[in-house]
């Protein structure tokens, strides 16, 4: 992993939520995972069996294509300092990452199932 110093003069973040990461500095591994089930209804009718994560979106494996390219890279950092004057972030949410520095490996995942039930479909 690269060895550089991160210098931040000003950082303002209003909100970090739901498996998200705000990281200043170096990290080897960052892993975030968020699962959400959102039900929106016109009427407040509850059946008692809501809230399960058995939908295919939550159980199907994530297809990751294999990396088959032989990548050769040469990097020369003339300045060992990453200088950041100002970062202003309104919100970080749902398995997201803001990284100011060096990272070896980042894996983030969010699976959200939105269900909208209108009155004509509730009966």
N, C-alpha and C. Protein backbone atom coordinates (compact mmCIF):
# COMPACT_ATOMS: atom_id res chain seq x y z
N UNK A 1 0.84 -1.17 0.00
CA UNK A 1 0.00 0.00 0.00
C UNK A 1 0.89 1.24 0.00
N UNK A 2 0.40 2.29 -0.63
CA UNK A 2 1.14 3.54 -0.68
C UNK A 2 1.36 4.12 0.71
N UNK A 3 2.44 4.80 0.88
CA UNK A 3 2.73 5.46 2.15
C UNK A 3 2.79 6.95 1.89
N UNK A 4 1.66 7.61 2.10
CA UNK A 4 1.59 9.06 1.94
C UNK A 4 0.84 9.63 3.13
N UNK A 5 1.05 10.89 3.40
CA UNK A 5 0.39 11.58 4.50
C UNK A 5 -0.76 12.40 3.95
N UNK A 6 -1.89 12.36 4.65
CA UNK A 6 -3.06 13.14 4.25
C UNK A 6 -3.19 14.34 5.18
N UNK A 7 -3.27 15.53 4.59
CA UNK A 7 -3.41 16.76 5.34
C UNK A 7 -4.71 17.43 4.94
N UNK A 8 -5.65 17.57 5.91
CA UNK A 8 -6.95 18.18 5.65
C UNK A 8 -7.05 19.45 6.49
N UNK A 9 -7.30 20.58 5.84
CA UNK A 9 -7.43 21.84 6.55
C UNK A 9 -8.80 21.99 7.17
N UNK A 10 -9.85 21.68 6.40
CA UNK A 10 -11.21 21.87 6.90
C UNK A 10 -12.11 20.75 6.38
N UNK A 11 -12.88 20.15 7.29
CA UNK A 11 -13.81 19.08 6.94
C UNK A 11 -15.13 19.32 7.65
N UNK A 12 -16.21 19.36 6.88
CA UNK A 12 -17.54 19.51 7.47
C UNK A 12 -18.45 18.44 6.89
N UNK A 13 -18.97 17.59 7.78
CA UNK A 13 -19.88 16.51 7.38
C UNK A 13 -21.11 16.62 8.25
N UNK A 14 -22.28 16.70 7.63
CA UNK A 14 -23.52 16.81 8.39
C UNK A 14 -24.01 15.47 8.90
N UNK A 15 -23.85 14.39 8.12
CA UNK A 15 -24.45 13.13 8.50
C UNK A 15 -23.69 11.95 7.90
N UNK A 16 -23.44 10.93 8.73
CA UNK A 16 -22.89 9.66 8.28
C UNK A 16 -23.80 8.58 8.85
N UNK A 17 -24.39 7.75 7.98
CA UNK A 17 -25.38 6.79 8.46
C UNK A 17 -25.38 5.51 7.65
N UNK A 18 -25.99 4.49 8.20
CA UNK A 18 -26.33 3.22 7.55
C UNK A 18 -25.12 2.58 6.87
N UNK A 19 -24.24 2.00 7.68
CA UNK A 19 -23.08 1.23 7.20
C UNK A 19 -22.13 2.05 6.33
N UNK A 20 -22.00 3.32 6.61
CA UNK A 20 -21.12 4.19 5.84
C UNK A 20 -19.85 4.49 6.64
N UNK A 21 -18.83 4.93 5.94
CA UNK A 21 -17.53 5.17 6.55
C UNK A 21 -17.00 6.53 6.13
N UNK A 22 -16.55 7.31 7.10
CA UNK A 22 -15.77 8.52 6.84
C UNK A 22 -14.42 8.26 7.48
N UNK A 23 -13.39 8.15 6.66
CA UNK A 23 -12.09 7.74 7.18
C UNK A 23 -11.02 8.70 6.68
N UNK A 24 -10.29 9.27 7.62
CA UNK A 24 -9.15 10.11 7.27
C UNK A 24 -7.91 9.37 7.71
N UNK A 25 -7.05 9.13 6.79
CA UNK A 25 -5.83 8.38 7.08
C UNK A 25 -5.81 7.09 6.28
N UNK A 26 -4.92 6.20 6.64
CA UNK A 26 -4.73 4.97 5.90
C UNK A 26 -5.56 3.84 6.49
N UNK A 27 -5.99 2.93 5.63
CA UNK A 27 -6.69 1.74 6.08
C UNK A 27 -6.30 0.59 5.16
N UNK A 28 -6.34 -0.58 5.71
CA UNK A 28 -6.02 -1.76 4.91
C UNK A 28 -7.28 -2.30 4.23
N UNK A 29 -8.37 -2.45 5.01
CA UNK A 29 -9.61 -2.99 4.47
C UNK A 29 -10.79 -2.20 5.03
N UNK A 30 -11.72 -1.83 4.16
CA UNK A 30 -12.99 -1.24 4.56
C UNK A 30 -14.09 -2.10 3.95
N UNK A 31 -15.02 -2.56 4.79
CA UNK A 31 -16.13 -3.37 4.30
C UNK A 31 -17.42 -2.82 4.87
N UNK A 32 -18.35 -2.47 4.01
CA UNK A 32 -19.65 -1.98 4.45
C UNK A 32 -20.76 -2.80 3.83
N UNK A 33 -21.81 -3.04 4.59
CA UNK A 33 -22.94 -3.84 4.11
C UNK A 33 -24.21 -3.25 4.71
N UNK A 34 -25.19 -2.97 3.88
CA UNK A 34 -26.44 -2.39 4.35
C UNK A 34 -27.58 -3.07 3.62
N UNK A 35 -28.59 -3.47 4.36
CA UNK A 35 -29.80 -4.06 3.77
C UNK A 35 -30.99 -3.31 4.33
N UNK A 36 -31.90 -2.94 3.45
CA UNK A 36 -33.07 -2.16 3.89
C UNK A 36 -34.32 -2.66 3.22
N UNK A 37 -35.39 -2.67 3.98
CA UNK A 37 -36.71 -3.02 3.47
C UNK A 37 -37.62 -1.83 3.77
N UNK A 38 -38.11 -1.18 2.72
CA UNK A 38 -38.93 0.02 2.88
C UNK A 38 -40.33 -0.25 2.34
N UNK A 39 -41.33 -0.13 3.21
CA UNK A 39 -42.72 -0.33 2.81
C UNK A 39 -43.44 1.00 2.95
N UNK A 40 -44.06 1.42 1.87
CA UNK A 40 -44.81 2.68 1.88
C UNK A 40 -46.27 2.35 1.54
N UNK A 41 -47.18 2.74 2.41
CA UNK A 41 -48.59 2.42 2.22
C UNK A 41 -49.44 3.68 2.31
N UNK A 42 -50.56 3.66 1.59
CA UNK A 42 -51.51 4.76 1.69
C UNK A 42 -52.31 4.67 2.99
N UNK A 43 -52.54 3.45 3.47
CA UNK A 43 -53.32 3.25 4.70
C UNK A 43 -52.47 2.49 5.71
N UNK A 44 -52.71 2.76 6.98
CA UNK A 44 -51.96 2.09 8.04
C UNK A 44 -52.58 0.73 8.34
N UNK A 45 -52.28 -0.23 7.48
CA UNK A 45 -52.76 -1.60 7.64
C UNK A 45 -51.54 -2.49 7.82
N UNK A 46 -51.51 -3.25 8.91
CA UNK A 46 -50.38 -4.12 9.19
C UNK A 46 -50.85 -5.56 9.27
N UNK A 47 -50.19 -6.44 8.55
CA UNK A 47 -50.58 -7.85 8.47
C UNK A 47 -49.84 -8.71 9.50
N UNK A 48 -48.76 -8.22 10.05
CA UNK A 48 -48.01 -8.98 11.06
C UNK A 48 -46.86 -9.80 10.51
N UNK A 49 -46.79 -9.97 9.19
CA UNK A 49 -45.70 -10.76 8.62
C UNK A 49 -44.72 -9.90 7.83
N UNK A 50 -44.75 -8.61 8.05
CA UNK A 50 -43.82 -7.72 7.35
C UNK A 50 -42.43 -7.82 7.98
N UNK A 51 -41.45 -7.45 7.22
CA UNK A 51 -40.11 -7.33 7.77
C UNK A 51 -39.17 -8.48 7.50
N UNK A 52 -39.49 -9.37 6.59
CA UNK A 52 -38.56 -10.47 6.29
C UNK A 52 -37.66 -10.08 5.11
N UNK A 53 -36.51 -10.65 5.07
CA UNK A 53 -35.53 -10.37 4.02
C UNK A 53 -35.41 -11.57 3.07
N UNK A 54 -36.52 -12.24 2.77
CA UNK A 54 -36.50 -13.41 1.90
C UNK A 54 -36.64 -13.07 0.42
N UNK A 55 -36.68 -11.80 0.08
CA UNK A 55 -36.79 -11.40 -1.32
C UNK A 55 -35.49 -11.76 -2.06
N UNK A 56 -35.59 -12.10 -3.34
CA UNK A 56 -34.39 -12.48 -4.10
C UNK A 56 -33.29 -11.42 -4.09
N UNK A 57 -33.67 -10.15 -4.00
CA UNK A 57 -32.64 -9.11 -4.01
C UNK A 57 -31.68 -9.24 -2.82
N UNK A 58 -32.15 -9.85 -1.72
CA UNK A 58 -31.31 -10.01 -0.53
C UNK A 58 -30.55 -11.33 -0.52
N UNK A 59 -30.99 -12.31 -1.32
CA UNK A 59 -30.38 -13.64 -1.24
C UNK A 59 -29.53 -13.99 -2.46
N UNK A 60 -29.73 -13.32 -3.57
CA UNK A 60 -28.95 -13.64 -4.77
C UNK A 60 -27.50 -13.22 -4.58
N UNK A 61 -26.56 -14.04 -5.06
CA UNK A 61 -25.15 -13.65 -4.95
C UNK A 61 -24.85 -12.46 -5.87
N UNK A 62 -23.90 -11.69 -5.47
CA UNK A 62 -23.49 -10.53 -6.27
C UNK A 62 -22.50 -11.02 -7.33
N UNK A 63 -22.84 -10.83 -8.61
CA UNK A 63 -21.92 -11.28 -9.65
C UNK A 63 -20.72 -10.34 -9.76
N UNK A 64 -19.56 -10.87 -9.52
CA UNK A 64 -18.33 -10.09 -9.68
C UNK A 64 -17.54 -10.68 -10.84
N UNK A 65 -17.35 -9.91 -11.90
CA UNK A 65 -16.61 -10.44 -13.04
C UNK A 65 -15.15 -10.69 -12.67
N UNK A 66 -14.57 -11.76 -13.20
CA UNK A 66 -13.17 -12.03 -12.89
C UNK A 66 -12.26 -10.99 -13.55
N UNK A 67 -11.19 -10.67 -12.87
CA UNK A 67 -10.19 -9.75 -13.42
C UNK A 67 -9.14 -10.60 -14.12
N UNK A 68 -9.10 -10.51 -15.43
CA UNK A 68 -8.21 -11.36 -16.21
C UNK A 68 -7.07 -10.60 -16.85
N UNK A 69 -7.11 -9.27 -16.79
CA UNK A 69 -6.06 -8.49 -17.41
C UNK A 69 -4.80 -8.51 -16.56
N UNK A 70 -3.68 -8.58 -17.22
CA UNK A 70 -2.39 -8.48 -16.53
C UNK A 70 -2.01 -7.00 -16.53
N UNK A 71 -2.16 -6.37 -15.38
CA UNK A 71 -1.93 -4.93 -15.27
C UNK A 71 -0.55 -4.69 -14.68
N UNK A 72 0.23 -3.91 -15.39
CA UNK A 72 1.54 -3.49 -14.88
C UNK A 72 1.49 -1.98 -14.70
N UNK A 73 1.95 -1.52 -13.55
CA UNK A 73 1.83 -0.11 -13.24
C UNK A 73 3.10 0.37 -12.55
N UNK A 74 3.50 1.55 -12.93
CA UNK A 74 4.63 2.22 -12.27
C UNK A 74 4.13 3.57 -11.80
N UNK A 75 4.35 3.86 -10.53
CA UNK A 75 3.88 5.12 -9.96
C UNK A 75 5.04 5.76 -9.21
N UNK A 76 5.17 7.04 -9.42
CA UNK A 76 6.17 7.80 -8.68
C UNK A 76 5.48 9.03 -8.10
N UNK A 77 5.38 9.06 -6.79
CA UNK A 77 4.75 10.19 -6.11
C UNK A 77 5.83 11.21 -5.75
N UNK A 78 5.79 12.34 -6.43
CA UNK A 78 6.80 13.36 -6.20
C UNK A 78 6.59 14.09 -4.88
N UNK A 79 5.35 14.09 -4.39
CA UNK A 79 5.05 14.76 -3.14
C UNK A 79 4.44 13.73 -2.20
N UNK A 80 5.04 13.49 -1.04
CA UNK A 80 4.51 12.46 -0.14
C UNK A 80 3.29 12.90 0.66
N UNK A 81 2.73 14.08 0.37
CA UNK A 81 1.60 14.59 1.14
C UNK A 81 0.41 14.81 0.20
N UNK A 82 -0.75 14.28 0.60
CA UNK A 82 -2.01 14.57 -0.08
C UNK A 82 -2.61 15.77 0.64
N UNK A 83 -2.69 16.91 -0.03
CA UNK A 83 -3.18 18.14 0.61
C UNK A 83 -4.61 18.42 0.16
N UNK A 84 -5.50 18.57 1.14
CA UNK A 84 -6.90 18.85 0.88
C UNK A 84 -7.26 20.11 1.65
N UNK A 85 -7.73 21.12 0.93
CA UNK A 85 -8.05 22.39 1.57
C UNK A 85 -9.40 22.31 2.29
N UNK A 86 -10.47 21.91 1.57
CA UNK A 86 -11.80 21.90 2.19
C UNK A 86 -12.65 20.80 1.59
N UNK A 87 -13.35 20.08 2.47
CA UNK A 87 -14.32 19.07 2.06
C UNK A 87 -15.62 19.40 2.78
N UNK A 88 -16.70 19.55 2.02
CA UNK A 88 -18.02 19.86 2.58
C UNK A 88 -19.00 18.82 2.07
N UNK A 89 -19.51 17.98 2.96
CA UNK A 89 -20.37 16.87 2.59
C UNK A 89 -21.69 17.01 3.33
N UNK A 90 -22.79 16.91 2.59
CA UNK A 90 -24.12 16.98 3.20
C UNK A 90 -24.45 15.65 3.88
N UNK A 91 -24.23 14.54 3.19
CA UNK A 91 -24.56 13.26 3.80
C UNK A 91 -23.87 12.09 3.12
N UNK A 92 -23.57 11.08 3.92
CA UNK A 92 -22.98 9.83 3.46
C UNK A 92 -23.89 8.73 3.99
N UNK A 93 -24.45 7.90 3.10
CA UNK A 93 -25.42 6.93 3.58
C UNK A 93 -25.46 5.69 2.71
N UNK A 94 -26.02 4.64 3.27
CA UNK A 94 -26.33 3.39 2.58
C UNK A 94 -25.08 2.73 2.00
N UNK A 95 -24.18 2.37 2.88
CA UNK A 95 -22.97 1.63 2.52
C UNK A 95 -22.09 2.41 1.55
N UNK A 96 -21.77 3.64 1.90
CA UNK A 96 -20.90 4.49 1.09
C UNK A 96 -19.63 4.77 1.87
N UNK A 97 -18.60 5.22 1.17
CA UNK A 97 -17.34 5.52 1.83
C UNK A 97 -16.78 6.84 1.32
N UNK A 98 -16.26 7.65 2.23
CA UNK A 98 -15.44 8.81 1.89
C UNK A 98 -14.08 8.53 2.50
N UNK A 99 -13.09 8.40 1.67
CA UNK A 99 -11.74 8.03 2.11
C UNK A 99 -10.78 9.15 1.74
N UNK A 100 -10.15 9.73 2.73
CA UNK A 100 -9.11 10.73 2.50
C UNK A 100 -7.80 10.11 2.97
N UNK A 101 -7.14 9.44 2.06
CA UNK A 101 -5.92 8.74 2.41
C UNK A 101 -5.75 7.51 1.54
N UNK A 102 -4.97 6.57 2.02
CA UNK A 102 -4.65 5.35 1.27
C UNK A 102 -5.52 4.19 1.75
N UNK A 103 -5.95 3.37 0.81
CA UNK A 103 -6.74 2.19 1.14
C UNK A 103 -6.27 1.02 0.31
N UNK A 104 -6.15 -0.12 0.96
CA UNK A 104 -5.76 -1.32 0.24
C UNK A 104 -6.93 -1.96 -0.47
N UNK A 105 -8.07 -2.11 0.22
CA UNK A 105 -9.22 -2.81 -0.36
C UNK A 105 -10.51 -2.26 0.23
N UNK A 106 -11.47 -1.90 -0.63
CA UNK A 106 -12.78 -1.42 -0.19
C UNK A 106 -13.85 -2.26 -0.85
N UNK A 107 -14.79 -2.76 -0.06
CA UNK A 107 -15.96 -3.49 -0.56
C UNK A 107 -17.19 -2.89 0.09
N UNK A 108 -18.10 -2.38 -0.70
CA UNK A 108 -19.33 -1.79 -0.18
C UNK A 108 -20.51 -2.43 -0.89
N UNK A 109 -21.61 -2.63 -0.16
CA UNK A 109 -22.79 -3.28 -0.71
C UNK A 109 -24.02 -2.67 -0.07
N UNK A 110 -25.04 -2.37 -0.87
CA UNK A 110 -26.33 -1.95 -0.35
C UNK A 110 -27.40 -2.65 -1.17
N UNK A 111 -28.34 -3.27 -0.48
CA UNK A 111 -29.47 -3.90 -1.14
C UNK A 111 -30.74 -3.33 -0.50
N UNK A 112 -31.55 -2.67 -1.31
CA UNK A 112 -32.77 -2.04 -0.82
C UNK A 112 -33.96 -2.54 -1.61
N UNK A 113 -34.99 -2.98 -0.91
CA UNK A 113 -36.25 -3.41 -1.53
C UNK A 113 -37.31 -2.39 -1.15
N UNK A 114 -37.85 -1.68 -2.15
CA UNK A 114 -38.92 -0.70 -1.94
C UNK A 114 -40.24 -1.35 -2.32
N UNK A 115 -41.19 -1.30 -1.42
CA UNK A 115 -42.53 -1.82 -1.67
C UNK A 115 -43.51 -0.69 -1.48
N UNK A 116 -44.31 -0.42 -2.48
CA UNK A 116 -45.34 0.61 -2.39
C UNK A 116 -46.69 -0.06 -2.55
N UNK A 117 -47.51 0.05 -1.53
CA UNK A 117 -48.82 -0.57 -1.55
C UNK A 117 -49.89 0.52 -1.55
N UNK A 118 -50.65 0.56 -2.64
CA UNK A 118 -51.73 1.52 -2.77
C UNK A 118 -53.03 0.90 -2.29
N UNK A 119 -54.00 1.69 -1.96
CA UNK A 119 -55.27 1.21 -1.40
C UNK A 119 -55.93 0.15 -2.30
N UNK A 120 -55.91 0.33 -3.60
CA UNK A 120 -56.56 -0.61 -4.50
C UNK A 120 -55.88 -1.98 -4.49
N UNK A 121 -54.60 -2.05 -4.06
CA UNK A 121 -53.87 -3.30 -4.03
C UNK A 121 -53.86 -3.96 -2.65
N UNK A 122 -54.38 -3.30 -1.63
CA UNK A 122 -54.32 -3.82 -0.27
C UNK A 122 -55.42 -4.84 0.01
N UNK A 123 -56.50 -4.84 -0.73
CA UNK A 123 -57.63 -5.71 -0.41
C UNK A 123 -57.59 -6.98 -1.22
